[in-house]
Every structure is written in C-alpha cells, then in structure tokens.
Amino acid sequence: MVTTGLEYFLTSGEYGTAGKRVGLLTNQASVDRYLVHDRFLLKKKFGAALTALFSPQHGFYSEKQDNMIESDHSVDGPTGLPVYSLYGELRKPSREMFADIDILVIDLQDVGTRVYTFLYTMAYCLEAARQYSRRVVVLDRPNPVDGLRVEGNVLADECKSFVGLYPLPMRHGMTFGELALLINEEYAIGAELDVVAMKGWKRGMRFRDTGLPWVFPSPNMPTPETALVYPGQVIWEGTNISEGRGTTLPFELFGSPFVDHDEVLATVCNTDLPGCLLRPLFFQPTSGKYANQVCRGFQLHVSDEKSFLPYRTSLAL
C-alpha cells in the first residue's frame, strides 16, 4: 500500500509549518485514498492559516476541456479562499499572490511526460518562492507510468517553451517530488524546498499497483492507461492527425479522414513495437480536430505494460 506525500504530511508534525500562513497549489485530482480533496484536509489541519489556493492548467476543477484555454482567478465556494490561476494572465506567481502566504504547499498528480505543464507551473513557483523569500513544500505522488523507464529525445535548448523548459527526456521516469529537487538544485533556482516523500512506492510500480484511486488531473487524462500511452501519443497534437480529443478514449485513439489503414499497417509491420496492438477503427470526435467528421484510424491497445514503449511506438507511427 502506497502512502502519498499528502497523507504523510497530514500526520506529521514536521516541515516547519507551525505558525505559518499556507498556500496550496492543487486541482481536483489532489485527493487522499478516500477521495477527500486536499484543500479540505489542509483546512482541517491549518484552519485560518490556509489563506490561498493556486491552480495549474485546465483550471482548479480540471474543467477546461480544450488544451490551451486559460483560467481566471476565482473564489472557491466551499472554503471561501481565493483561487489564483497560474494558467491565465500570468504563468508565474506575482508578489501580490504570495503576499498572504509564508509557505506554498504543492500537491499535483503528474503523468510522467515532459510536456505536461504542471511541472513548469511548479518550476515557476520555485522561482517566485526564491524571489519573494517563501518556502515550498512538495507533496510527492506516484509517477503513473513507473519510475524505471526513460524514453525519447532530450529537449534542445532552442526549443524551450512552457511545454518544455528543461533538458528532460519525453518520458522522464521521475516523481513530482524528484522533479522539484532536480529543477531546484541542478538548474540553480535555489528556493527553500522540502519534499514530503511517499511511503511504500517502488520504482517499478504503475498506478494500478499503488492501491490509490485515480482522479483525472486533466480532462483528457481519464485513466492511468491514458497516461501510459501519452508520452508518445501526445506528439500527434502538433500534426494534422487527431489525437482522440473529443472521444471517450483520448490518446488511445488517433486518426483522420484521410488515413489509410492498410498503408499504415504495411509501413510499420516490420518495426519492432513491443507490448501493443493496433486495431483499425472509425471514430467521430465531438470536438477538437475533425469535430463531427468520421476519422479512419486506430486504437492503440497495450498488451504488455512492461515491454510497451510509448514514445518509440508513436514516433514510428
């Protein structure tokens, strides 16, 4: 059984929070094993000392379906706390956002892929914490596609953006806490940082092995199986091929009105793509690329998670 950083933090008297004002960077997936959201748990722990909430891309409630839609600041109804959007007018917290906190607690479920932006929201928070003399506590959670395997190219410096700020491989094999330590130390941010480690997590675990409930961290990440194919399938976003947004199986489905099933299969039939099967199908997205058009494409079925190579597979396709 895996104990998340959140669950350990709630029962620990450490990390220097006594008498401090606390902010929380979170979204709807930040729950304990009983599906209780972390803001309620931290409100119980800190009371009025929990003074502000912060949200990443896709909104505080993970409600923004499309990929690059910004969110406004808001107020959380159940707690009455301000919610500062870090995917809106600003990506990096301002001095005013940090005015009422001494410590920023970060509790986000990552998906193990370089281009998932929660990582860079955390990095900008570390930069702001260093600039404004605040402390950061990151509550670690499992990498859902395991902590052993690394795949893909390392980001080139000239390609830096908010979907890639550091020279990481596409499938990086690290937990969110490990990423925080790497970024803060190796890339010389130098913020005052604590990471609350998990208990019981093994590097070879996938999310289904942890005993924890999955709550989608973004609208098109409905299951851990989506996360497994995502390190490769996300590259369709930069093409004229649908990555399955607007369907019930985003990233597992891909295609377009002009794909030829036989041509694709004939092209990849001699390529070693272990642990998966390509099933030809037709689908009709309700939104996104080719909305309301019939697409010819495939469902990517993972038959063996341990041997499956998502980046190699999608790059070959």
C-alpha atoms as a PDB file:
ATOM      1  CA  MET A   1       0.000   0.000   0.000  1.00  0.00           C
ATOM      2  CA  VAL A   2       1.369   3.395  -1.008  1.00  0.00           C
ATOM      3  CA  THR A   3       1.059   6.402   1.286  1.00  0.00           C
ATOM      4  CA  THR A   4       1.201   9.670  -0.663  1.00  0.00           C
ATOM      5  CA  GLY A   5       3.115  12.722   0.424  1.00  0.00           C
ATOM      6  CA  LEU A   6      -0.228  14.339   1.245  1.00  0.00           C
ATOM      7  CA  GLU A   7      -1.243  11.564   3.616  1.00  0.00           C
ATOM      8  CA  TYR A   8       2.133  11.534   5.361  1.00  0.00           C
ATOM      9  CA  PHE A   9       2.175  15.333   5.623  1.00  0.00           C
ATOM     10  CA  LEU A  10      -1.210  15.348   7.359  1.00  0.00           C
ATOM     11  CA  THR A  11       0.013  13.067  10.128  1.00  0.00           C
ATOM     12  CA  SER A  12       3.472  14.588  10.505  1.00  0.00           C
ATOM     13  CA  GLY A  13       4.396  17.472  12.747  1.00  0.00           C
ATOM     14  CA  GLU A  14       7.449  18.305  10.673  1.00  0.00           C
ATOM     15  CA  TYR A  15       8.222  20.721   7.810  1.00  0.00           C
ATOM     16  CA  GLY A  16       8.120  23.907   9.877  1.00  0.00           C
ATOM     17  CA  THR A  17       4.525  24.934   9.221  1.00  0.00           C
ATOM     18  CA  ALA A  18       3.641  25.886  12.803  1.00  0.00           C
ATOM     19  CA  GLY A  19       2.507  29.490  12.959  1.00  0.00           C
ATOM     20  CA  LYS A  20       2.944  29.987   9.209  1.00  0.00           C
ATOM     21  CA  ARG A  21       0.437  31.095   6.581  1.00  0.00           C
ATOM     22  CA  VAL A  22      -0.020  28.412   3.944  1.00  0.00           C
ATOM     23  CA  GLY A  23      -0.973  28.460   0.281  1.00  0.00           C
ATOM     24  CA  LEU A  24      -1.876  25.353  -1.727  1.00  0.00           C
ATOM     25  CA  LEU A  25      -1.259  24.644  -5.417  1.00  0.00           C
ATOM     26  CA  THR A  26      -3.736  21.922  -6.307  1.00  0.00           C
ATOM     27  CA  ASN A  27      -6.508  20.728  -8.601  1.00  0.00           C
ATOM     28  CA  GLN A  28      -9.332  18.218  -8.454  1.00  0.00           C
ATOM     29  CA  ALA A  29      -7.044  15.154  -8.631  1.00  0.00           C
ATOM     30  CA  SER A  30      -5.287  16.022  -5.372  1.00  0.00           C
ATOM     31  CA  VAL A  31      -7.174  13.683  -3.069  1.00  0.00           C
ATOM     32  CA  ASP A  32      -6.391  11.142  -0.371  1.00  0.00           C
ATOM     33  CA  ARG A  33      -7.198   7.422  -0.666  1.00  0.00           C
ATOM     34  CA  TYR A  34     -10.785   8.139   0.402  1.00  0.00           C
ATOM     35  CA  LEU A  35     -11.226  10.751  -2.351  1.00  0.00           C
ATOM     36  CA  VAL A  36     -11.271  13.660   0.106  1.00  0.00           C
ATOM     37  CA  HIS A  37      -9.775  16.731  -1.536  1.00  0.00           C
ATOM     38  CA  ASP A  38      -6.563  18.117  -0.080  1.00  0.00           C
ATOM     39  CA  ARG A  39      -7.908  21.646   0.477  1.00  0.00           C
ATOM     40  CA  PHE A  40     -10.422  20.286   2.971  1.00  0.00           C
ATOM     41  CA  LEU A  41      -7.754  18.189   4.679  1.00  0.00           C
ATOM     42  CA  LEU A  42      -5.332  21.108   4.914  1.00  0.00           C
ATOM     43  CA  LYS A  43      -8.119  23.409   6.057  1.00  0.00           C
ATOM     44  CA  LYS A  44      -8.735  20.999   8.921  1.00  0.00           C
ATOM     45  CA  LYS A  45      -5.004  20.884   9.705  1.00  0.00           C
ATOM     46  CA  PHE A  46      -4.227  24.615   9.424  1.00  0.00           C
ATOM     47  CA  GLY A  47      -7.571  26.352   9.934  1.00  0.00           C
ATOM     48  CA  ALA A  48      -7.418  30.058   9.125  1.00  0.00           C
ATOM     49  CA  ALA A  49      -3.692  29.712   8.374  1.00  0.00           C
ATOM     50  CA  LEU A  50      -4.636  28.221   4.988  1.00  0.00           C
ATOM     51  CA  THR A  51      -5.037  31.531   3.184  1.00  0.00           C
ATOM     52  CA  ALA A  52      -4.905  30.950  -0.596  1.00  0.00           C
ATOM     53  CA  LEU A  53      -5.317  28.367  -3.334  1.00  0.00           C
ATOM     54  CA  PHE A  54      -3.493  28.187  -6.683  1.00  0.00           C
ATOM     55  CA  SER A  55      -4.428  26.245  -9.821  1.00  0.00           C
ATOM     56  CA  PRO A  56      -2.479  24.919 -12.855  1.00  0.00           C
ATOM     57  CA  GLN A  57      -3.524  24.473 -16.498  1.00  0.00           C
ATOM     58  CA  HIS A  58      -7.078  23.199 -17.139  1.00  0.00           C
ATOM     59  CA  GLY A  59      -8.460  25.060 -14.126  1.00  0.00           C
ATOM     60  CA  PHE A  60      -8.902  24.426 -10.420  1.00  0.00           C
ATOM     61  CA  TYR A  61     -11.614  21.851 -11.142  1.00  0.00           C
ATOM     62  CA  SER A  62      -9.881  20.459 -14.266  1.00  0.00           C
ATOM     63  CA  GLU A  63     -12.872  21.753 -16.176  1.00  0.00           C
ATOM     64  CA  LYS A  64     -11.141  23.351 -19.188  1.00  0.00           C
ATOM     65  CA  GLN A  65     -11.592  20.700 -21.867  1.00  0.00           C
ATOM     66  CA  ASP A  66      -9.539  22.289 -24.636  1.00  0.00           C
ATOM     67  CA  ASN A  67      -5.769  22.250 -24.482  1.00  0.00           C
ATOM     68  CA  MET A  68      -4.659  25.879 -24.268  1.00  0.00           C
ATOM     69  CA  ILE A  69      -7.618  27.614 -22.595  1.00  0.00           C
ATOM     70  CA  GLU A  70      -6.659  29.991 -19.792  1.00  0.00           C
ATOM     71  CA  SER A  71      -8.468  30.329 -16.467  1.00  0.00           C
ATOM     72  CA  ASP A  72      -9.356  33.441 -14.478  1.00  0.00           C
ATOM     73  CA  HIS A  73      -8.817  33.948 -10.771  1.00  0.00           C
ATOM     74  CA  SER A  74     -11.834  32.947  -8.701  1.00  0.00           C
ATOM     75  CA  VAL A  75     -13.087  32.151  -5.219  1.00  0.00           C
ATOM     76  CA  ASP A  76     -13.575  28.583  -4.004  1.00  0.00           C
ATOM     77  CA  GLY A  77     -17.151  28.350  -2.751  1.00  0.00           C
ATOM     78  CA  PRO A  78     -16.773  25.658  -0.061  1.00  0.00           C
ATOM     79  CA  THR A  79     -13.762  27.303   1.644  1.00  0.00           C
ATOM     80  CA  GLY A  80     -14.186  30.938   0.632  1.00  0.00           C
ATOM     81  CA  LEU A  81     -10.498  31.058  -0.295  1.00  0.00           C
ATOM     82  CA  PRO A  82      -9.144  32.970  -3.299  1.00  0.00           C
ATOM     83  CA  VAL A  83      -8.008  30.769  -6.187  1.00  0.00           C
ATOM     84  CA  TYR A  84      -5.118  32.271  -8.154  1.00  0.00           C
ATOM     85  CA  SER A  85      -4.846  30.895 -11.670  1.00  0.00           C
ATOM     86  CA  LEU A  86      -1.296  30.120 -12.770  1.00  0.00           C
ATOM     87  CA  TYR A  87      -2.509  29.430 -16.290  1.00  0.00           C
ATOM     88  CA  GLY A  88      -4.116  32.772 -17.021  1.00  0.00           C
ATOM     89  CA  GLU A  89      -2.758  36.264 -17.484  1.00  0.00           C
ATOM     90  CA  LEU A  90       0.349  35.083 -15.618  1.00  0.00           C
ATOM     91  CA  ARG A  91       2.172  31.742 -15.540  1.00  0.00           C
ATOM     92  CA  LYS A  92       4.437  32.719 -12.643  1.00  0.00           C
ATOM     93  CA  PRO A  93       3.045  33.847  -9.270  1.00  0.00           C
ATOM     94  CA  SER A  94       3.260  37.570  -8.631  1.00  0.00           C
ATOM     95  CA  ARG A  95       4.376  39.227  -5.408  1.00  0.00           C
ATOM     96  CA  GLU A  96       0.720  40.037  -4.686  1.00  0.00           C
ATOM     97  CA  MET A  97      -0.299  36.359  -4.983  1.00  0.00           C
ATOM     98  CA  PHE A  98       2.327  35.429  -2.394  1.00  0.00           C
ATOM     99  CA  ALA A  99       1.570  38.364  -0.093  1.00  0.00           C
ATOM    100  CA  ASP A 100      -0.586  36.343   2.322  1.00  0.00           C
ATOM    101  CA  ILE A 101       1.462  33.128   2.483  1.00  0.00           C
ATOM    102  CA  ASP A 102       4.728  32.067   4.053  1.00  0.00           C
ATOM    103  CA  ILE A 103       4.776  28.529   2.671  1.00  0.00           C
ATOM    104  CA  LEU A 104       3.419  27.184  -0.614  1.00  0.00           C
ATOM    105  CA  VAL A 105       2.366  23.539  -0.494  1.00  0.00           C
ATOM    106  CA  ILE A 106       2.275  21.874  -3.939  1.00  0.00           C
ATOM    107  CA  ASP A 107       0.184  18.728  -4.358  1.00  0.00           C
ATOM    108  CA  LEU A 108      -0.365  17.772  -8.003  1.00  0.00           C
ATOM    109  CA  GLN A 109      -0.691  14.455  -9.830  1.00  0.00           C
ATOM    110  CA  ASP A 110       1.800  14.402 -12.693  1.00  0.00           C
ATOM    111  CA  VAL A 111       1.694  11.923 -15.602  1.00  0.00           C
ATOM    112  CA  GLY A 112       5.392  11.263 -16.254  1.00  0.00           C
ATOM    113  CA  THR A 113       5.780  13.178 -19.532  1.00  0.00           C
ATOM    114  CA  ARG A 114       7.940  16.228 -20.229  1.00  0.00           C
ATOM    115  CA  VAL A 115       5.254  18.261 -21.982  1.00  0.00           C
ATOM    116  CA  TYR A 116       2.678  18.064 -19.169  1.00  0.00           C
ATOM    117  CA  THR A 117       2.654  21.631 -17.888  1.00  0.00           C
ATOM    118  CA  PHE A 118       2.133  21.021 -14.152  1.00  0.00           C
ATOM    119  CA  LEU A 119       5.886  20.529 -13.959  1.00  0.00           C
ATOM    120  CA  TYR A 120       6.598  24.038 -15.239  1.00  0.00           C
ATOM    121  CA  THR A 121       3.968  25.636 -13.026  1.00  0.00           C
ATOM    122  CA  MET A 122       5.872  24.084 -10.125  1.00  0.00           C
ATOM    123  CA  ALA A 123       9.157  25.397 -11.534  1.00  0.00           C
ATOM    124  CA  TYR A 124       7.790  28.932 -11.802  1.00  0.00           C
ATOM    125  CA  CYS A 125       6.530  28.652  -8.214  1.00  0.00           C
ATOM    126  CA  LEU A 126      10.042  27.704  -7.116  1.00  0.00           C
ATOM    127  CA  GLU A 127      11.424  30.741  -8.940  1.00  0.00           C
ATOM    128  CA  ALA A 128       8.835  33.010  -7.324  1.00  0.00           C
ATOM    129  CA  ALA A 129       9.497  31.494  -3.903  1.00  0.00           C
ATOM    130  CA  ARG A 130      13.191  32.239  -4.285  1.00  0.00           C
ATOM    131  CA  GLN A 131      12.460  35.770  -5.449  1.00  0.00           C
ATOM    132  CA  TYR A 132       9.963  36.583  -2.671  1.00  0.00           C
ATOM    133  CA  SER A 133      11.646  34.587   0.147  1.00  0.00           C
ATOM    134  CA  ARG A 134       8.914  31.998   0.555  1.00  0.00           C
ATOM    135  CA  ARG A 135       9.290  28.284   1.268  1.00  0.00           C
ATOM    136  CA  VAL A 136       7.889  25.447  -0.873  1.00  0.00           C
ATOM    137  CA  VAL A 137       6.764  22.025   0.322  1.00  0.00           C
ATOM    138  CA  VAL A 138       6.064  19.486  -2.446  1.00  0.00           C
ATOM    139  CA  LEU A 139       3.867  16.510  -1.526  1.00  0.00           C
ATOM    140  CA  ASP A 140       5.046  13.617  -3.673  1.00  0.00           C
ATOM    141  CA  ARG A 141       2.761  11.340  -5.692  1.00  0.00           C
ATOM    142  CA  PRO A 142       3.442   8.305  -7.920  1.00  0.00           C
ATOM    143  CA  ASN A 143       4.654   8.560 -11.479  1.00  0.00           C
ATOM    144  CA  PRO A 144       1.763   6.606 -13.044  1.00  0.00           C
ATOM    145  CA  VAL A 145       3.903   5.101 -15.837  1.00  0.00           C
ATOM    146  CA  ASP A 146       6.606   3.884 -13.401  1.00  0.00           C
ATOM    147  CA  GLY A 147       9.899   5.313 -12.214  1.00  0.00           C
ATOM    148  CA  LEU A 148      12.237   2.989 -14.095  1.00  0.00           C
ATOM    149  CA  ARG A 149      11.894   3.597 -17.816  1.00  0.00           C
ATOM    150  CA  VAL A 150      13.158   6.650 -19.671  1.00  0.00           C
ATOM    151  CA  GLU A 151      12.347   7.267 -23.346  1.00  0.00           C
ATOM    152  CA  GLY A 152      12.657   9.846 -26.050  1.00  0.00           C
ATOM    153  CA  ASN A 153      14.829  12.744 -27.025  1.00  0.00           C
ATOM    154  CA  VAL A 154      16.187  15.270 -24.545  1.00  0.00           C
ATOM    155  CA  LEU A 155      14.767  18.739 -25.122  1.00  0.00           C
ATOM    156  CA  ALA A 156      17.057  21.028 -27.132  1.00  0.00           C
ATOM    157  CA  ASP A 157      17.739  24.470 -25.649  1.00  0.00           C
ATOM    158  CA  GLU A 158      16.387  26.282 -28.703  1.00  0.00           C
ATOM    159  CA  CYS A 159      13.014  24.535 -28.286  1.00  0.00           C
ATOM    160  CA  LYS A 160      12.263  25.770 -24.765  1.00  0.00           C
ATOM    161  CA  SER A 161       8.681  26.810 -24.022  1.00  0.00           C
ATOM    162  CA  PHE A 162       6.010  26.301 -21.363  1.00  0.00           C
ATOM    163  CA  VAL A 163       5.679  22.701 -22.581  1.00  0.00           C
ATOM    164  CA  GLY A 164       9.415  22.191 -22.101  1.00  0.00           C
ATOM    165  CA  LEU A 165      11.769  24.368 -20.052  1.00  0.00           C
ATOM    166  CA  TYR A 166      14.491  21.873 -19.115  1.00  0.00           C
ATOM    167  CA  PRO A 167      16.542  19.212 -20.952  1.00  0.00           C
ATOM    168  CA  LEU A 168      14.435  16.265 -19.848  1.00  0.00           C
ATOM    169  CA  PRO A 169      13.562  13.197 -21.928  1.00  0.00           C
ATOM    170  CA  MET A 170       9.947  12.887 -23.025  1.00  0.00           C
ATOM    171  CA  ARG A 171       9.268  10.018 -20.610  1.00  0.00           C
ATOM    172  CA  HIS A 172      11.359  11.129 -17.658  1.00  0.00           C
ATOM    173  CA  GLY A 173      10.829   8.360 -15.090  1.00  0.00           C
ATOM    174  CA  MET A 174      10.674  10.730 -12.091  1.00  0.00           C
ATOM    175  CA  THR A 175       8.076  11.574  -9.489  1.00  0.00           C
ATOM    176  CA  PHE A 176       6.886  15.138  -8.995  1.00  0.00           C
ATOM    177  CA  GLY A 177       8.999  15.495  -5.862  1.00  0.00           C
ATOM    178  CA  GLU A 178      12.082  14.219  -7.660  1.00  0.00           C
ATOM    179  CA  LEU A 179      11.462  16.696 -10.469  1.00  0.00           C
ATOM    180  CA  ALA A 180      11.232  19.507  -7.904  1.00  0.00           C
ATOM    181  CA  LEU A 181      14.593  18.531  -6.393  1.00  0.00           C
ATOM    182  CA  LEU A 182      16.220  18.193  -9.816  1.00  0.00           C
ATOM    183  CA  ILE A 183      14.987  21.547 -11.071  1.00  0.00           C
ATOM    184  CA  ASN A 184      15.689  23.425  -7.874  1.00  0.00           C
ATOM    185  CA  GLU A 185      19.228  22.075  -7.468  1.00  0.00           C
ATOM    186  CA  GLU A 186      20.597  21.207 -10.914  1.00  0.00           C
ATOM    187  CA  TYR A 187      19.145  24.257 -12.642  1.00  0.00           C
ATOM    188  CA  ALA A 188      20.139  26.526  -9.747  1.00  0.00           C
ATOM    189  CA  ILE A 189      16.794  28.014  -8.744  1.00  0.00           C
ATOM    190  CA  GLY A 190      17.818  27.733  -5.119  1.00  0.00           C
ATOM    191  CA  ALA A 191      14.417  28.010  -3.438  1.00  0.00           C
ATOM    192  CA  GLU A 192      13.922  26.803   0.131  1.00  0.00           C
ATOM    193  CA  LEU A 193      12.354  23.437  -0.647  1.00  0.00           C
ATOM    194  CA  ASP A 194      11.140  20.379   1.230  1.00  0.00           C
ATOM    195  CA  VAL A 195       9.752  17.267  -0.450  1.00  0.00           C
ATOM    196  CA  VAL A 196       7.435  15.023   1.542  1.00  0.00           C
ATOM    197  CA  ALA A 197       8.247  11.569   0.223  1.00  0.00           C
ATOM    198  CA  MET A 198       5.808   8.721  -0.305  1.00  0.00           C
ATOM    199  CA  LYS A 199       5.910   5.553   1.727  1.00  0.00           C
ATOM    200  CA  GLY A 200       5.688   2.156   0.070  1.00  0.00           C
ATOM    201  CA  TRP A 201       6.152   3.281  -3.531  1.00  0.00           C
ATOM    202  CA  LYS A 202       8.504   1.154  -5.641  1.00  0.00           C
ATOM    203  CA  ARG A 203      10.025   2.415  -8.877  1.00  0.00           C
ATOM    204  CA  GLY A 204       8.598  -0.425 -10.931  1.00  0.00           C
ATOM    205  CA  MET A 205       5.004   0.326  -9.883  1.00  0.00           C
ATOM    206  CA  ARG A 206       2.401   1.595 -12.274  1.00  0.00           C
ATOM    207  CA  PHE A 207      -0.556   3.443 -10.888  1.00  0.00           C
ATOM    208  CA  ARG A 208      -2.830   0.404 -10.732  1.00  0.00           C
ATOM    209  CA  ASP A 209      -0.249  -1.228  -8.451  1.00  0.00           C
ATOM    210  CA  THR A 210      -0.412   1.508  -5.803  1.00  0.00           C
ATOM    211  CA  GLY A 211      -3.876   0.858  -4.353  1.00  0.00           C
ATOM    212  CA  LEU A 212      -4.678   4.561  -4.781  1.00  0.00           C
ATOM    213  CA  PRO A 213      -7.751   5.927  -6.596  1.00  0.00           C
ATOM    214  CA  TRP A 214      -7.191   7.669  -9.932  1.00  0.00           C
ATOM    215  CA  VAL A 215      -8.847  11.050 -10.414  1.00  0.00           C
ATOM    216  CA  PHE A 216      -8.206  12.631 -13.794  1.00  0.00           C
ATOM    217  CA  PRO A 217      -5.714  15.515 -13.419  1.00  0.00           C
ATOM    218  CA  SER A 218      -6.832  16.993 -16.747  1.00  0.00           C
ATOM    219  CA  PRO A 219      -9.972  16.334 -18.800  1.00  0.00           C
ATOM    220  CA  ASN A 220      -8.223  14.206 -21.428  1.00  0.00           C
ATOM    221  CA  MET A 221      -6.353  12.051 -18.913  1.00  0.00           C
ATOM    222  CA  PRO A 222      -9.307   9.915 -17.776  1.00  0.00           C
ATOM    223  CA  THR A 223      -7.407   6.775 -16.733  1.00  0.00           C
ATOM    224  CA  PRO A 224      -3.888   5.572 -15.879  1.00  0.00           C
ATOM    225  CA  GLU A 225      -3.996   3.705 -19.203  1.00  0.00           C
ATOM    226  CA  THR A 226      -4.266   7.079 -20.946  1.00  0.00           C
ATOM    227  CA  ALA A 227      -1.155   8.199 -19.089  1.00  0.00           C
ATOM    228  CA  LEU A 228       0.679   5.070 -20.274  1.00  0.00           C
ATOM    229  CA  VAL A 229       0.303   5.912 -23.982  1.00  0.00           C
ATOM    230  CA  TYR A 230       0.571   9.687 -23.510  1.00  0.00           C
ATOM    231  CA  PRO A 231       4.405  10.036 -23.648  1.00  0.00           C
ATOM    232  CA  GLY A 232       4.191   9.057 -27.308  1.00  0.00           C
ATOM    233  CA  GLN A 233       0.654   9.836 -28.400  1.00  0.00           C
ATOM    234  CA  VAL A 234       0.874  13.456 -27.271  1.00  0.00           C
ATOM    235  CA  ILE A 235       3.108  14.238 -30.269  1.00  0.00           C
ATOM    236  CA  TRP A 236       0.043  13.958 -32.546  1.00  0.00           C
ATOM    237  CA  GLU A 237      -1.049  17.305 -31.086  1.00  0.00           C
ATOM    238  CA  GLY A 238       1.460  19.060 -33.346  1.00  0.00           C
ATOM    239  CA  THR A 239       0.151  17.352 -36.505  1.00  0.00           C
ATOM    240  CA  ASN A 240      -2.957  17.178 -38.681  1.00  0.00           C
ATOM    241  CA  ILE A 241      -3.848  13.805 -37.118  1.00  0.00           C
ATOM    242  CA  SER A 242      -6.457  13.718 -34.350  1.00  0.00           C
ATOM    243  CA  GLU A 243      -5.043  12.549 -31.023  1.00  0.00           C
ATOM    244  CA  GLY A 244      -8.519  11.432 -29.987  1.00  0.00           C
ATOM    245  CA  ARG A 245      -9.629  14.572 -28.164  1.00  0.00           C
ATOM    246  CA  GLY A 246     -13.388  14.774 -28.339  1.00  0.00           C
ATOM    247  CA  THR A 247     -13.727  10.996 -27.943  1.00  0.00           C
ATOM    248  CA  THR A 248     -14.071   8.745 -24.909  1.00  0.00           C
ATOM    249  CA  LEU A 249     -10.527   7.406 -25.427  1.00  0.00           C
ATOM    250  CA  PRO A 250      -8.222  10.412 -25.926  1.00  0.00           C
ATOM    251  CA  PHE A 251      -4.662   9.485 -26.944  1.00  0.00           C
ATOM    252  CA  GLU A 252      -5.624   5.811 -27.229  1.00  0.00           C
ATOM    253  CA  LEU A 253      -7.457   6.670 -30.464  1.00  0.00           C
ATOM    254  CA  PHE A 254      -5.813   8.523 -33.332  1.00  0.00           C
ATOM    255  CA  GLY A 255      -6.578   9.121 -36.982  1.00  0.00           C
ATOM    256  CA  SER A 256      -8.050  11.460 -39.588  1.00  0.00           C
ATOM    257  CA  PRO A 257     -10.449  11.372 -42.546  1.00  0.00           C
ATOM    258  CA  PHE A 258      -7.542  10.593 -44.908  1.00  0.00           C
ATOM    259  CA  VAL A 259      -5.700   7.821 -43.018  1.00  0.00           C
ATOM    260  CA  ASP A 260      -5.400   4.545 -44.924  1.00  0.00           C
ATOM    261  CA  HIS A 261      -5.467   1.578 -42.522  1.00  0.00           C
ATOM    262  CA  ASP A 262      -3.650  -0.792 -44.843  1.00  0.00           C
ATOM    263  CA  GLU A 263      -0.905   1.674 -45.710  1.00  0.00           C
ATOM    264  CA  VAL A 264      -0.140   2.378 -42.064  1.00  0.00           C
ATOM    265  CA  LEU A 265      -0.058  -1.292 -41.117  1.00  0.00           C
ATOM    266  CA  ALA A 266       2.113  -2.154 -44.108  1.00  0.00           C
ATOM    267  CA  THR A 267       4.559   0.601 -43.195  1.00  0.00           C
ATOM    268  CA  VAL A 268       5.029  -0.374 -39.539  1.00  0.00           C
ATOM    269  CA  CYS A 269       4.669  -4.155 -39.862  1.00  0.00           C
ATOM    270  CA  ASN A 270       8.448  -4.715 -39.839  1.00  0.00           C
ATOM    271  CA  THR A 271       9.109  -2.276 -36.982  1.00  0.00           C
ATOM    272  CA  ASP A 272       9.636  -3.715 -33.517  1.00  0.00           C
ATOM    273  CA  LEU A 273       6.822  -2.217 -31.428  1.00  0.00           C
ATOM    274  CA  PRO A 274       6.625  -4.443 -28.353  1.00  0.00           C
ATOM    275  CA  GLY A 275       3.713  -4.723 -25.979  1.00  0.00           C
ATOM    276  CA  CYS A 276       0.955  -3.278 -28.140  1.00  0.00           C
ATOM    277  CA  LEU A 277      -1.536  -3.956 -30.903  1.00  0.00           C
ATOM    278  CA  LEU A 278      -3.036  -1.580 -33.465  1.00  0.00           C
ATOM    279  CA  ARG A 279      -6.739  -2.147 -34.107  1.00  0.00           C
ATOM    280  CA  PRO A 280      -8.182  -0.346 -37.156  1.00  0.00           C
ATOM    281  CA  LEU A 281     -11.379   1.561 -36.480  1.00  0.00           C
ATOM    282  CA  PHE A 282     -13.524   4.563 -37.346  1.00  0.00           C
ATOM    283  CA  PHE A 283     -14.380   7.330 -34.878  1.00  0.00           C
ATOM    284  CA  GLN A 284     -16.096  10.711 -34.905  1.00  0.00           C
ATOM    285  CA  PRO A 285     -14.779  13.351 -32.486  1.00  0.00           C
ATOM    286  CA  THR A 286     -17.343  15.669 -30.936  1.00  0.00           C
ATOM    287  CA  SER A 287     -14.754  18.439 -30.518  1.00  0.00           C
ATOM    288  CA  GLY A 288     -11.180  19.261 -31.456  1.00  0.00           C
ATOM    289  CA  LYS A 289      -9.642  18.251 -34.772  1.00  0.00           C
ATOM    290  CA  TYR A 290     -12.170  16.916 -37.295  1.00  0.00           C
ATOM    291  CA  ALA A 291     -15.101  17.538 -34.963  1.00  0.00           C
ATOM    292  CA  ASN A 292     -18.206  15.748 -36.254  1.00  0.00           C
ATOM    293  CA  GLN A 293     -16.239  14.151 -39.089  1.00  0.00           C
ATOM    294  CA  VAL A 294     -15.669  10.429 -39.447  1.00  0.00           C
ATOM    295  CA  CYS A 295     -11.995   9.583 -38.995  1.00  0.00           C
ATOM    296  CA  ARG A 296     -10.192   6.438 -40.034  1.00  0.00           C
ATOM    297  CA  GLY A 297      -7.562   5.443 -37.547  1.00  0.00           C
ATOM    298  CA  PHE A 298      -6.567   3.046 -34.817  1.00  0.00           C
ATOM    299  CA  GLN A 299      -6.946   2.217 -31.192  1.00  0.00           C
ATOM    300  CA  LEU A 300      -3.592   1.619 -29.535  1.00  0.00           C
ATOM    301  CA  HIS A 301      -4.099  -1.412 -27.269  1.00  0.00           C
ATOM    302  CA  VAL A 302      -1.342  -2.017 -24.704  1.00  0.00           C
ATOM    303  CA  SER A 303      -0.986  -5.776 -24.296  1.00  0.00           C
ATOM    304  CA  ASP A 304       2.112  -5.794 -22.069  1.00  0.00           C
ATOM    305  CA  GLU A 305       2.799  -2.685 -19.989  1.00  0.00           C
ATOM    306  CA  LYS A 306       6.307  -3.778 -19.012  1.00  0.00           C
ATOM    307  CA  SER A 307       7.606  -4.096 -22.568  1.00  0.00           C
ATOM    308  CA  PHE A 308       5.487  -1.337 -24.167  1.00  0.00           C
ATOM    309  CA  LEU A 309       7.492   1.667 -25.417  1.00  0.00           C
ATOM    310  CA  PRO A 310       5.046   4.559 -25.922  1.00  0.00           C
ATOM    311  CA  TYR A 311       7.451   7.058 -27.421  1.00  0.00           C
ATOM    312  CA  ARG A 312       9.025   4.580 -29.850  1.00  0.00           C
ATOM    313  CA  THR A 313       5.577   3.382 -30.900  1.00  0.00           C
ATOM    314  CA  SER A 314       4.137   6.818 -31.651  1.00  0.00           C
ATOM    315  CA  LEU A 315       7.323   8.017 -33.311  1.00  0.00           C
ATOM    316  CA  ALA A 316       7.214   5.004 -35.637  1.00  0.00           C
ATOM    317  CA  LEU A 317       3.567   5.697 -36.436  1.00  0.00           C
END
